[in-house]
Protein backbone atom coordinates (compact mmCIF):
# COMPACT_ATOMS: atom_id res chain seq x y z
CA MET A 1 -85.51 43.76 -81.09
CA LYS A 2 -83.55 40.71 -82.14
CA ARG A 3 -80.95 41.45 -79.51
CA ASN A 4 -83.65 41.65 -76.84
CA ILE A 5 -84.98 38.27 -78.00
CA VAL A 6 -81.47 36.72 -77.84
CA VAL A 7 -81.06 37.99 -74.33
CA PHE A 8 -84.43 36.71 -73.28
CA VAL A 9 -84.25 33.31 -74.97
CA ILE A 10 -80.57 32.38 -74.45
CA ILE A 11 -78.78 34.58 -71.93
CA ALA A 12 -81.50 34.94 -69.32
CA PRO A 13 -82.00 31.14 -68.96
CA LEU A 14 -78.25 30.68 -68.97
CA MET A 15 -77.89 33.24 -66.19
CA ALA A 16 -80.64 31.53 -64.25
CA VAL A 17 -78.86 28.15 -64.56
CA MET A 18 -75.57 29.79 -63.51
CA LEU A 19 -77.25 31.32 -60.52
CA SER A 20 -78.82 28.03 -59.54
CA LEU A 21 -75.45 26.29 -59.87
CA ALA A 22 -73.79 28.99 -57.82
CA LYS A 23 -76.49 28.67 -55.14
CA ALA A 24 -76.08 24.88 -55.15
CA TYR A 25 -72.31 25.23 -54.82
CA TYR A 26 -72.74 27.71 -52.00
CA TYR A 27 -75.08 25.49 -49.94
CA PHE A 28 -73.16 22.37 -50.71
CA ASP A 29 -69.53 23.39 -50.25
CA VAL A 30 -69.42 26.89 -48.74
CA TRP A 31 -72.26 27.16 -46.21
CA GLN A 32 -71.24 25.64 -42.88
CA TYR A 33 -73.07 24.49 -39.72
CA GLU A 34 -72.02 27.03 -37.08
CA GLY A 35 -73.63 25.57 -34.01
CA GLU A 36 -72.00 23.38 -31.31
CA ASP A 37 -71.00 19.79 -32.13
CA VAL A 38 -74.18 17.74 -32.17
CA VAL A 39 -75.22 14.11 -32.34
CA PHE A 40 -77.67 13.30 -35.15
CA GLN A 41 -79.46 9.97 -35.34
CA VAL A 42 -80.48 8.21 -38.55
CA GLN A 43 -83.17 5.87 -37.35
CA PRO A 44 -83.48 2.28 -38.61
CA GLY A 45 -85.65 2.29 -41.73
CA GLU A 46 -86.03 6.04 -41.77
CA GLY A 47 -86.94 7.56 -45.14
CA PHE A 48 -84.95 10.18 -46.95
CA SER A 49 -87.55 12.96 -46.63
CA SER A 50 -87.56 12.57 -42.88
CA ILE A 51 -83.77 12.74 -42.69
CA ASN A 52 -83.78 15.81 -44.93
CA HIS A 53 -86.40 17.54 -42.88
CA ARG A 54 -84.74 16.84 -39.48
CA LEU A 55 -81.30 17.97 -40.79
CA ASP A 56 -82.91 21.26 -41.85
CA ARG A 57 -84.88 21.68 -38.59
CA ALA A 58 -81.66 21.16 -36.65
CA GLY A 59 -79.97 23.83 -38.76
CA LEU A 60 -77.40 21.36 -40.08
CA ILE A 61 -77.98 22.03 -43.75
CA GLY A 62 -78.68 25.33 -45.56
CA SER A 63 -81.07 24.03 -48.18
CA THR A 64 -83.34 21.00 -48.22
CA LYS A 65 -83.79 21.38 -52.00
CA VAL A 66 -80.06 21.23 -52.74
CA PHE A 67 -79.66 18.29 -50.34
CA TYR A 68 -82.54 16.51 -52.11
CA ARG A 69 -81.31 17.24 -55.68
CA TYR A 70 -77.76 16.12 -55.00
CA CYS A 71 -78.73 12.90 -53.30
CA GLN A 72 -81.24 12.16 -56.05
CA LEU A 73 -78.65 12.70 -58.83
CA LYS A 74 -76.08 10.54 -57.02
CA ASN A 75 -78.61 7.83 -56.11
CA LEU A 76 -77.93 8.26 -52.39
CA MET A 77 -81.46 8.55 -51.10
CA THR A 78 -81.55 5.04 -49.66
CA LYS A 79 -77.85 4.73 -48.83
CA PHE A 80 -77.63 6.43 -45.42
CA LYS A 81 -76.70 4.07 -42.54
CA SER A 82 -78.70 4.07 -39.34
CA GLY A 83 -76.93 5.11 -36.14
CA HIS A 84 -75.84 8.14 -34.09
CA TYR A 85 -73.29 10.43 -35.74
CA GLU A 86 -71.42 13.38 -34.19
CA ILE A 87 -71.60 16.32 -36.54
CA PRO A 88 -68.91 18.94 -35.68
CA THR A 89 -69.26 22.67 -36.03
CA GLY A 90 -68.01 23.90 -39.40
CA SER A 91 -69.42 20.91 -41.33
CA THR A 92 -70.57 21.50 -44.91
CA MET A 93 -73.38 19.62 -46.59
CA ARG A 94 -70.78 17.48 -48.35
CA ASP A 95 -69.18 16.66 -45.02
CA ILE A 96 -72.55 15.58 -43.57
CA ILE A 97 -73.45 13.41 -46.55
CA ASN A 98 -70.08 11.63 -46.37
CA LEU A 99 -70.48 11.14 -42.66
CA LEU A 100 -73.93 9.54 -43.07
CA LEU A 101 -72.64 7.38 -45.94
CA TYR A 102 -69.20 6.33 -44.76
CA GLY A 103 -68.73 7.50 -41.19
CA ARG A 104 -68.71 5.24 -38.17
CA PRO A 105 -71.69 5.58 -35.87
CA ILE A 106 -70.94 6.39 -32.22
CA THR A 107 -70.59 3.16 -30.27
CA VAL A 108 -69.76 2.13 -26.67
CA GLU A 109 -68.10 -1.17 -25.84
CA LEU A 110 -69.76 -3.59 -23.37
CA THR A 111 -68.81 -7.09 -22.42
CA ILE A 112 -71.55 -9.61 -21.63
CA PRO A 113 -69.87 -12.43 -19.63
CA GLU A 114 -70.67 -16.07 -20.23
CA GLY A 115 -73.28 -17.53 -17.95
CA LYS A 116 -75.36 -14.45 -17.29
CA ASN A 117 -79.13 -14.78 -17.51
CA PHE A 118 -81.35 -12.22 -19.14
CA TYR A 119 -82.20 -10.58 -15.74
CA GLU A 120 -78.47 -10.02 -15.14
CA ILE A 121 -77.91 -8.77 -18.70
CA ALA A 122 -80.76 -6.32 -18.26
CA ALA A 123 -79.11 -5.06 -15.09
CA LEU A 124 -75.71 -4.70 -16.89
CA LEU A 125 -77.35 -2.70 -19.74
CA GLU A 126 -79.04 -0.32 -17.25
CA ALA A 127 -75.89 0.10 -15.15
CA ASN A 128 -73.93 1.04 -18.26
CA GLY A 129 -76.57 3.50 -19.51
CA PHE A 130 -77.75 1.59 -22.56
CA ILE A 131 -81.34 1.32 -21.31
CA SER A 132 -83.14 3.40 -18.72
CA LYS A 133 -84.90 0.51 -16.95
CA ALA A 134 -83.72 -3.09 -16.67
CA GLN A 135 -87.38 -4.16 -16.36
CA ASP A 136 -88.03 -2.99 -19.91
CA PHE A 137 -85.48 -5.52 -21.24
CA VAL A 138 -86.84 -8.28 -18.89
CA LYS A 139 -90.32 -7.56 -20.14
CA LEU A 140 -89.24 -7.70 -23.73
CA ALA A 141 -87.36 -11.00 -23.11
CA ARG A 142 -90.74 -12.58 -22.38
CA ASP A 143 -92.84 -10.79 -24.99
CA PRO A 144 -94.48 -13.30 -27.35
CA ALA A 145 -94.52 -10.80 -30.22
CA MET A 146 -90.74 -10.15 -29.84
CA LEU A 147 -90.00 -13.83 -29.59
CA ARG A 148 -91.87 -14.43 -32.85
CA GLN A 149 -89.85 -11.70 -34.56
CA LEU A 150 -86.67 -13.38 -33.34
CA ASN A 151 -87.95 -16.81 -34.44
CA ILE A 152 -87.60 -18.22 -30.93
CA THR A 153 -90.20 -20.82 -29.87
CA ASN A 154 -89.35 -20.74 -26.12
CA GLU A 155 -91.22 -18.66 -23.56
CA THR A 156 -88.26 -16.32 -23.12
CA VAL A 157 -85.13 -15.22 -25.01
CA GLU A 158 -82.96 -17.04 -22.43
CA GLY A 159 -80.02 -18.93 -23.98
CA TYR A 160 -80.01 -16.91 -27.21
CA LEU A 161 -78.27 -13.73 -25.92
CA TYR A 162 -74.76 -14.57 -26.97
CA PRO A 163 -72.05 -13.63 -24.44
CA ASP A 164 -69.46 -11.44 -26.16
CA THR A 165 -67.97 -7.99 -26.32
CA TYR A 166 -70.25 -5.68 -28.24
CA LYS A 167 -70.02 -2.18 -29.58
CA PHE A 168 -73.46 -0.87 -29.06
CA ASP A 169 -74.94 2.43 -30.21
CA PRO A 170 -75.57 4.13 -26.80
CA HIS A 171 -79.03 5.17 -27.99
CA GLN A 172 -80.14 1.77 -29.24
CA SER A 173 -83.44 0.49 -27.95
CA ALA A 174 -83.74 -2.67 -25.84
CA ALA A 175 -85.28 -4.42 -28.85
CA GLN A 176 -82.35 -3.45 -31.15
CA ILE A 177 -79.79 -4.70 -28.60
CA MET A 178 -81.65 -7.95 -28.18
CA ARG A 179 -81.74 -8.48 -31.97
CA VAL A 180 -78.00 -7.88 -32.21
CA MET A 181 -77.24 -10.46 -29.51
CA VAL A 182 -79.58 -13.11 -30.88
CA GLU A 183 -78.14 -12.62 -34.40
CA GLU A 184 -74.66 -13.03 -32.88
CA PHE A 185 -75.76 -16.27 -31.28
CA ARG A 186 -76.95 -17.61 -34.63
CA GLN A 187 -73.78 -16.54 -36.42
CA LYS A 188 -71.50 -18.15 -33.79
CA THR A 189 -73.43 -21.40 -33.62
CA LYS A 190 -74.41 -21.90 -37.26
CA SER A 191 -71.42 -24.21 -38.02
CA LEU A 192 -72.04 -26.54 -35.03
CA ASP A 193 -72.86 -30.18 -35.84
CA TYR A 194 -75.81 -31.47 -33.81
CA SER A 195 -76.28 -34.64 -35.84
CA LYS A 196 -74.27 -36.90 -33.52
CA SER A 197 -75.99 -35.77 -30.34
CA THR A 198 -78.84 -37.68 -28.74
CA LEU A 199 -80.30 -34.29 -27.79
CA THR A 200 -82.19 -31.84 -29.94
CA PRO A 201 -80.53 -28.46 -30.58
CA GLU A 202 -82.82 -26.89 -27.96
CA GLN A 203 -81.91 -29.57 -25.41
CA VAL A 204 -78.21 -29.05 -26.19
CA LEU A 205 -78.67 -25.34 -25.40
CA ILE A 206 -80.44 -26.12 -22.11
CA LEU A 207 -77.84 -28.53 -20.92
CA ALA A 208 -75.01 -26.21 -22.06
CA SER A 209 -76.53 -23.50 -19.89
CA VAL A 210 -76.41 -25.82 -16.90
CA VAL A 211 -72.81 -26.83 -17.64
CA GLU A 212 -71.89 -23.12 -17.96
CA LYS A 213 -73.28 -22.35 -14.52
CA GLU A 214 -71.71 -25.41 -12.86
CA THR A 215 -68.06 -24.61 -13.73
CA GLY A 216 -65.90 -21.71 -14.82
CA ALA A 217 -62.99 -24.08 -15.65
CA ARG A 218 -62.97 -24.76 -19.36
CA ALA A 219 -61.09 -28.04 -18.95
CA GLU A 220 -63.97 -29.48 -16.83
CA ARG A 221 -66.91 -28.66 -19.05
CA SER A 222 -66.85 -31.84 -21.18
CA ARG A 223 -66.41 -33.91 -18.03
CA ILE A 224 -69.34 -32.26 -16.26
CA ALA A 225 -71.45 -32.62 -19.43
CA GLY A 226 -70.50 -36.32 -19.31
CA VAL A 227 -71.79 -36.55 -15.72
CA PHE A 228 -75.16 -35.15 -16.71
CA PHE A 229 -75.43 -37.46 -19.72
CA ASN A 230 -74.67 -40.39 -17.46
CA ARG A 231 -77.38 -39.34 -15.00
CA LEU A 232 -79.91 -38.83 -17.80
CA LYS A 233 -79.18 -42.33 -19.16
CA LYS A 234 -79.78 -43.86 -15.73
CA LYS A 235 -82.91 -41.71 -15.30
CA MET A 236 -81.36 -40.01 -12.28
CA ARG A 237 -82.29 -36.44 -11.58
CA LEU A 238 -79.66 -33.85 -12.39
CA GLN A 239 -79.84 -32.26 -8.99
CA SER A 240 -78.23 -29.03 -10.08
CA ASP A 241 -78.29 -26.04 -7.69
CA PRO A 242 -78.15 -23.44 -10.50
CA THR A 243 -81.29 -24.77 -12.12
CA THR A 244 -83.11 -24.58 -8.80
CA ILE A 245 -81.94 -21.02 -8.21
CA TYR A 246 -83.07 -19.94 -11.72
CA GLY A 247 -86.60 -21.28 -11.04
CA ILE A 248 -86.97 -18.87 -8.10
CA TRP A 249 -84.64 -16.10 -9.48
CA GLU A 250 -86.87 -13.08 -8.85
CA GLN A 251 -87.45 -14.12 -5.20
CA PHE A 252 -84.03 -15.59 -4.47
CA LYS A 253 -82.04 -13.70 -1.82
CA GLY A 254 -78.66 -15.36 -2.36
CA ASN A 255 -78.83 -18.25 0.12
CA LEU A 256 -80.00 -21.60 -1.21
CA LYS A 257 -81.96 -23.37 1.49
CA LYS A 258 -83.48 -26.82 1.94
CA GLU A 259 -86.92 -25.38 1.43
CA HIS A 260 -85.84 -24.17 -2.02
CA LEU A 261 -84.72 -27.62 -3.00
CA GLN A 262 -88.15 -28.99 -2.08
CA GLU A 263 -90.06 -26.34 -4.06
CA VAL A 264 -91.50 -27.75 -7.29
CA THR A 265 -90.74 -25.55 -10.32
CA PRO A 266 -90.07 -26.46 -13.99
CA TYR A 267 -86.40 -25.73 -13.26
CA ASN A 268 -85.87 -27.53 -9.92
CA THR A 269 -83.88 -30.61 -11.05
CA TYR A 270 -84.04 -31.97 -7.49
CA ARG A 271 -87.82 -32.42 -7.95
CA ILE A 272 -88.24 -32.98 -11.71
CA ASN A 273 -86.93 -35.62 -14.04
CA GLY A 274 -84.75 -34.82 -17.02
CA LEU A 275 -83.74 -31.35 -18.20
CA PRO A 276 -85.15 -28.11 -16.86
CA LYS A 277 -87.88 -26.37 -18.89
CA GLY A 278 -85.47 -24.11 -20.74
CA PRO A 279 -81.99 -22.60 -20.60
CA ILE A 280 -81.01 -21.10 -17.25
CA CYS A 281 -78.44 -18.63 -18.64
CA ASN A 282 -76.71 -17.69 -21.86
CA PRO A 283 -73.78 -20.11 -22.45
CA GLY A 284 -70.70 -19.55 -24.45
CA LEU A 285 -69.51 -21.61 -27.36
CA ASP A 286 -67.21 -23.79 -25.18
CA ALA A 287 -70.10 -24.98 -23.04
CA ILE A 288 -72.23 -25.78 -26.06
CA ARG A 289 -69.33 -27.72 -27.65
CA ALA A 290 -68.85 -29.58 -24.34
CA VAL A 291 -72.39 -30.89 -24.52
CA LEU A 292 -71.92 -31.84 -28.18
CA THR A 293 -68.76 -33.72 -27.33
CA PRO A 294 -69.13 -34.91 -23.67
CA GLU A 295 -66.29 -36.78 -22.05
CA ARG A 296 -66.98 -40.57 -21.82
CA HIS A 297 -66.59 -41.82 -18.24
CA ASP A 298 -68.53 -43.47 -15.37
CA TYR A 299 -68.78 -40.50 -13.04
CA LEU A 300 -72.22 -39.68 -11.61
CA TYR A 301 -71.32 -37.00 -9.05
CA PHE A 302 -69.10 -33.99 -8.62
CA VAL A 303 -68.35 -31.76 -5.67
CA SER A 304 -66.68 -28.33 -5.70
CA LYS A 305 -63.16 -28.16 -4.32
CA ASN A 306 -63.71 -24.46 -3.67
CA ASP A 307 -60.95 -23.39 -6.09
CA GLY A 308 -62.94 -23.43 -9.31
CA THR A 309 -62.51 -27.18 -9.88
CA HIS A 310 -64.37 -30.28 -8.75
CA VAL A 311 -63.70 -33.83 -7.57
CA PHE A 312 -65.60 -36.44 -9.56
CA THR A 313 -66.91 -39.73 -8.13
CA LYS A 314 -68.69 -42.79 -9.44
CA THR A 315 -70.66 -44.01 -6.43
CA TYR A 316 -72.87 -42.33 -3.83
CA ALA A 317 -70.55 -43.53 -1.04
CA GLU A 318 -67.60 -41.91 -2.72
CA HIS A 319 -69.66 -38.75 -3.23
CA LEU A 320 -70.54 -38.56 0.48
CA GLN A 321 -66.80 -38.84 1.31
CA ALA A 322 -65.98 -35.99 -1.10
CA VAL A 323 -68.75 -33.87 0.42
CA GLU A 324 -67.28 -34.53 3.87
CA ILE A 325 -63.80 -33.57 2.68
CA TRP A 326 -64.56 -30.53 0.56
CA GLN A 327 -67.84 -29.10 1.88
CA VAL A 328 -68.04 -30.06 5.53
CA THR A 329 -64.42 -29.60 6.57
CA ARG A 330 -64.06 -25.87 7.32
CA GLN A 331 -60.50 -25.37 6.16
CA ASN A 332 -61.29 -26.81 2.74
CA ARG A 333 -64.37 -24.68 2.36
CA GLU A 334 -62.25 -21.49 2.60
CA GLY A 335 -61.27 -21.56 -1.03
CA LYS A 336 -61.28 -19.17 -3.92
CA SER A 337 -64.12 -18.44 -6.22
CA TRP A 338 -63.73 -19.77 -9.79
CA ARG A 339 -63.80 -16.11 -10.90
CA GLN A 340 -60.48 -15.60 -9.14
CA MET A 341 -58.71 -18.57 -10.73
CA LYS A 342 -56.70 -18.49 -13.96
CA GLN A 343 -58.82 -20.08 -16.68
CA ASN A 344 -57.52 -23.35 -18.03
């Protein structure tokens, strides 16, 4: 009788513990996922129970209970990183946990050039398969609720989508991509000193976007910024073609006409005084710095030399002469785009 009691009280529970441990060991280190390689997404802010359930439903783990107990004991339940992960066939539960904790999510590299506006960025994202419809990104760029989340007081996100080379999760949403780019803008510009400028930070960004569109030659940016400052001081209109084009962007067919220059929009600096209503593109750091440190000179005009650089003049008469030489004379108009020139 006593022997039966010993077996019941001591040995049976011990055997149960050993069986549980063996089962845990089997599901944790022996059982393997035998399907094809698969991509599994941990969604931003997703809770542990949801991750556990979806792993089980996908057949990627053998036991939700073992997965839960291990992660609970190791304090891992809030440690999984969001992103898309490729889980290869033959993965154990240990492999999957390590992948979600320490693995690199799948990313695809994309370069956003300086001077692109949010319409063009939306088209780039669609063309490279990051979003299904460019219009979704365009709509989001104007969405008041999204702008509040991003702490942007303008009517659009224009100017805050920092041009750089990114490694995006190919399954990120348009909103997630936008947040990454705006955060990059804030990180890259946080050390800039606006205290010595006569412009507000927002005005600096607006003028930098104009400078960015006016020249691709880095060496000219501070000089062109100086021209615009000189015109603002004299209360002259900026008369910048890129601002005019931006104001009619969705209807513009690629050929700027006299009728466009006469159309009144908040961006047509041939018809309005001062700066345009907002940024006209997303400038790089060089253009912003050029506006913060403009070159001091007496130039009021500049004309393209059709090779990526400009000729600068101080008087309207000199400007007309430069236009005659560089824009009217056919042989001088047959130049190279600034995109083809070697950057200075």
